[in-house]
């Protein structure tokens, strides 16, 4: 067979299933080689320097995450806009844009 006849092997779906099968075989081989699990009293308990720590329920909040996400979005858009500004008299508007971005970031940081 020529190389032209085997080009379908390089298509993304075929490559995906090939590597999926390879990963499954590697996983199965690792599972065969691993030692068996011996159940013990403290196997699944939390460990912190020998102290018994009772489990507590933690309520995770997204408020801080949204602040950071908004910060990085503003910074990335600003970098994209500033890096694509053409040379000339329009550079003055880029400076005004940067000042506005600075005020937006300042408001975001002081609000939190």
C-alpha atoms as a PDB file:
ATOM      1  CA  UNK A   1       0.000   0.000   0.000  1.00  0.00           C
ATOM      2  CA  UNK A   2       1.176   3.479  -0.737  1.00  0.00           C
ATOM      3  CA  UNK A   3       1.312   6.347   1.697  1.00  0.00           C
ATOM      4  CA  UNK A   4      -1.732   7.891  -0.005  1.00  0.00           C
ATOM      5  CA  UNK A   5      -3.811   4.852   0.944  1.00  0.00           C
ATOM      6  CA  UNK A   6      -2.949   5.224   4.644  1.00  0.00           C
ATOM      7  CA  UNK A   7      -3.780   8.926   4.992  1.00  0.00           C
ATOM      8  CA  UNK A   8      -7.052   8.143   6.746  1.00  0.00           C
ATOM      9  CA  UNK A   9      -4.979   6.976   9.735  1.00  0.00           C
ATOM     10  CA  UNK A  10      -3.922  10.583  10.291  1.00  0.00           C
ATOM     11  CA  UNK A  11      -7.466  11.899  10.491  1.00  0.00           C
ATOM     12  CA  UNK A  12      -8.400  13.205  13.969  1.00  0.00           C
ATOM     13  CA  UNK A  13     -11.173  10.664  14.739  1.00  0.00           C
ATOM     14  CA  UNK A  14      -8.998   7.679  13.817  1.00  0.00           C
ATOM     15  CA  UNK A  15      -6.017   9.068  15.739  1.00  0.00           C
ATOM     16  CA  UNK A  16      -8.257   9.757  18.749  1.00  0.00           C
ATOM     17  CA  UNK A  17      -9.548   6.184  18.893  1.00  0.00           C
ATOM     18  CA  UNK A  18      -6.039   4.795  18.326  1.00  0.00           C
ATOM     19  CA  UNK A  19      -4.637   6.741  21.285  1.00  0.00           C
ATOM     20  CA  UNK A  20      -7.720   5.955  23.366  1.00  0.00           C
ATOM     21  CA  UNK A  21      -7.102   2.234  22.809  1.00  0.00           C
ATOM     22  CA  UNK A  22      -3.399   2.707  23.577  1.00  0.00           C
ATOM     23  CA  UNK A  23      -4.229   4.533  26.837  1.00  0.00           C
ATOM     24  CA  UNK A  24      -6.685   1.787  27.824  1.00  0.00           C
ATOM     25  CA  UNK A  25      -4.062  -0.906  27.199  1.00  0.00           C
ATOM     26  CA  UNK A  26      -1.492   1.049  29.211  1.00  0.00           C
ATOM     27  CA  UNK A  27      -4.023   1.428  32.039  1.00  0.00           C
ATOM     28  CA  UNK A  28      -4.827  -2.299  31.984  1.00  0.00           C
ATOM     29  CA  UNK A  29      -1.117  -3.185  32.033  1.00  0.00           C
ATOM     30  CA  UNK A  30      -0.536  -0.881  35.016  1.00  0.00           C
ATOM     31  CA  UNK A  31      -3.496  -2.383  36.828  1.00  0.00           C
ATOM     32  CA  UNK A  32      -2.080  -5.890  36.359  1.00  0.00           C
ATOM     33  CA  UNK A  33       1.330  -4.805  37.665  1.00  0.00           C
ATOM     34  CA  UNK A  34       0.000  -2.942  40.725  1.00  0.00           C
ATOM     35  CA  UNK A  35      -0.043  -4.700  44.091  1.00  0.00           C
ATOM     36  CA  UNK A  36      -3.397  -5.732  45.528  1.00  0.00           C
ATOM     37  CA  UNK A  37      -5.253  -3.509  47.973  1.00  0.00           C
ATOM     38  CA  UNK A  38      -5.124  -4.641  51.594  1.00  0.00           C
ATOM     39  CA  UNK A  39      -7.930  -3.020  53.569  1.00  0.00           C
ATOM     40  CA  UNK A  40      -6.845  -1.469  56.862  1.00  0.00           C
ATOM     41  CA  UNK A  41      -8.379   0.779  59.506  1.00  0.00           C
ATOM     42  CA  UNK A  42      -6.760   4.088  58.544  1.00  0.00           C
ATOM     43  CA  UNK A  43      -6.386   3.492  54.800  1.00  0.00           C
ATOM     44  CA  UNK A  44      -9.051   5.970  53.722  1.00  0.00           C
ATOM     45  CA  UNK A  45      -8.950   8.347  56.692  1.00  0.00           C
ATOM     46  CA  UNK A  46      -7.659  11.918  56.552  1.00  0.00           C
ATOM     47  CA  UNK A  47      -4.064  12.302  57.710  1.00  0.00           C
ATOM     48  CA  UNK A  48      -2.460  15.471  59.000  1.00  0.00           C
ATOM     49  CA  UNK A  49       0.783  14.837  60.879  1.00  0.00           C
ATOM     50  CA  UNK A  50      -0.707  12.039  62.953  1.00  0.00           C
ATOM     51  CA  UNK A  51      -3.673  14.037  64.225  1.00  0.00           C
ATOM     52  CA  UNK A  52      -7.245  12.890  63.789  1.00  0.00           C
ATOM     53  CA  UNK A  53      -9.127  15.642  62.014  1.00  0.00           C
ATOM     54  CA  UNK A  54     -12.900  15.469  61.842  1.00  0.00           C
ATOM     55  CA  UNK A  55     -14.396  16.114  58.443  1.00  0.00           C
ATOM     56  CA  UNK A  56     -16.058  19.474  57.932  1.00  0.00           C
ATOM     57  CA  UNK A  57     -18.227  20.649  55.094  1.00  0.00           C
ATOM     58  CA  UNK A  58     -16.729  23.582  53.217  1.00  0.00           C
ATOM     59  CA  UNK A  59     -18.942  25.902  51.224  1.00  0.00           C
ATOM     60  CA  UNK A  60     -16.962  27.146  48.252  1.00  0.00           C
ATOM     61  CA  UNK A  61     -17.851  30.577  46.897  1.00  0.00           C
ATOM     62  CA  UNK A  62     -17.240  31.835  43.389  1.00  0.00           C
ATOM     63  CA  UNK A  63     -17.085  35.533  44.293  1.00  0.00           C
ATOM     64  CA  UNK A  64     -13.281  35.648  44.389  1.00  0.00           C
ATOM     65  CA  UNK A  65     -13.048  33.506  41.256  1.00  0.00           C
ATOM     66  CA  UNK A  66     -15.259  35.885  39.288  1.00  0.00           C
ATOM     67  CA  UNK A  67     -13.145  38.835  40.422  1.00  0.00           C
ATOM     68  CA  UNK A  68      -9.969  37.181  39.133  1.00  0.00           C
ATOM     69  CA  UNK A  69     -11.694  36.034  35.949  1.00  0.00           C
ATOM     70  CA  UNK A  70     -12.900  39.554  35.231  1.00  0.00           C
ATOM     71  CA  UNK A  71      -9.423  40.954  35.988  1.00  0.00           C
ATOM     72  CA  UNK A  72      -7.712  38.584  33.556  1.00  0.00           C
ATOM     73  CA  UNK A  73     -10.365  39.164  30.901  1.00  0.00           C
ATOM     74  CA  UNK A  74      -9.901  42.921  31.099  1.00  0.00           C
ATOM     75  CA  UNK A  75      -6.101  42.594  31.004  1.00  0.00           C
ATOM     76  CA  UNK A  76      -6.085  40.190  28.052  1.00  0.00           C
ATOM     77  CA  UNK A  77      -8.478  42.307  26.007  1.00  0.00           C
ATOM     78  CA  UNK A  78      -6.434  45.411  26.823  1.00  0.00           C
ATOM     79  CA  UNK A  79      -3.219  43.680  25.731  1.00  0.00           C
ATOM     80  CA  UNK A  80      -4.880  42.550  22.492  1.00  0.00           C
ATOM     81  CA  UNK A  81      -6.225  46.017  21.717  1.00  0.00           C
ATOM     82  CA  UNK A  82      -2.986  47.830  22.563  1.00  0.00           C
ATOM     83  CA  UNK A  83      -0.844  45.382  20.583  1.00  0.00           C
ATOM     84  CA  UNK A  84      -2.929  45.936  17.449  1.00  0.00           C
ATOM     85  CA  UNK A  85      -3.037  49.757  17.535  1.00  0.00           C
ATOM     86  CA  UNK A  86      -1.448  51.176  14.370  1.00  0.00           C
ATOM     87  CA  UNK A  87       1.239  53.844  14.560  1.00  0.00           C
ATOM     88  CA  UNK A  88       0.234  57.440  14.002  1.00  0.00           C
ATOM     89  CA  UNK A  89      -2.058  59.971  15.602  1.00  0.00           C
ATOM     90  CA  UNK A  90      -4.410  57.232  16.846  1.00  0.00           C
ATOM     91  CA  UNK A  91      -1.848  56.259  19.515  1.00  0.00           C
ATOM     92  CA  UNK A  92      -3.309  59.081  21.626  1.00  0.00           C
ATOM     93  CA  UNK A  93      -6.574  57.115  21.842  1.00  0.00           C
ATOM     94  CA  UNK A  94      -4.627  54.048  22.981  1.00  0.00           C
ATOM     95  CA  UNK A  95      -3.259  56.051  25.895  1.00  0.00           C
ATOM     96  CA  UNK A  96      -6.793  57.126  26.826  1.00  0.00           C
ATOM     97  CA  UNK A  97      -7.881  53.484  26.538  1.00  0.00           C
ATOM     98  CA  UNK A  98      -5.089  52.397  28.891  1.00  0.00           C
ATOM     99  CA  UNK A  99      -6.126  55.057  31.412  1.00  0.00           C
ATOM    100  CA  UNK A 100      -9.710  53.768  31.255  1.00  0.00           C
ATOM    101  CA  UNK A 101      -8.519  50.190  31.752  1.00  0.00           C
ATOM    102  CA  UNK A 102      -6.470  51.365  34.740  1.00  0.00           C
ATOM    103  CA  UNK A 103      -9.564  52.926  36.299  1.00  0.00           C
ATOM    104  CA  UNK A 104     -11.601  49.774  35.646  1.00  0.00           C
ATOM    105  CA  UNK A 105      -8.970  47.575  37.320  1.00  0.00           C
ATOM    106  CA  UNK A 106      -8.694  50.028  40.202  1.00  0.00           C
ATOM    107  CA  UNK A 107     -12.471  49.883  40.705  1.00  0.00           C
ATOM    108  CA  UNK A 108     -12.402  46.090  40.529  1.00  0.00           C
ATOM    109  CA  UNK A 109      -9.626  45.786  43.108  1.00  0.00           C
ATOM    110  CA  UNK A 110     -11.032  48.311  45.585  1.00  0.00           C
ATOM    111  CA  UNK A 111     -14.546  46.842  45.346  1.00  0.00           C
ATOM    112  CA  UNK A 112     -13.490  43.383  46.545  1.00  0.00           C
END
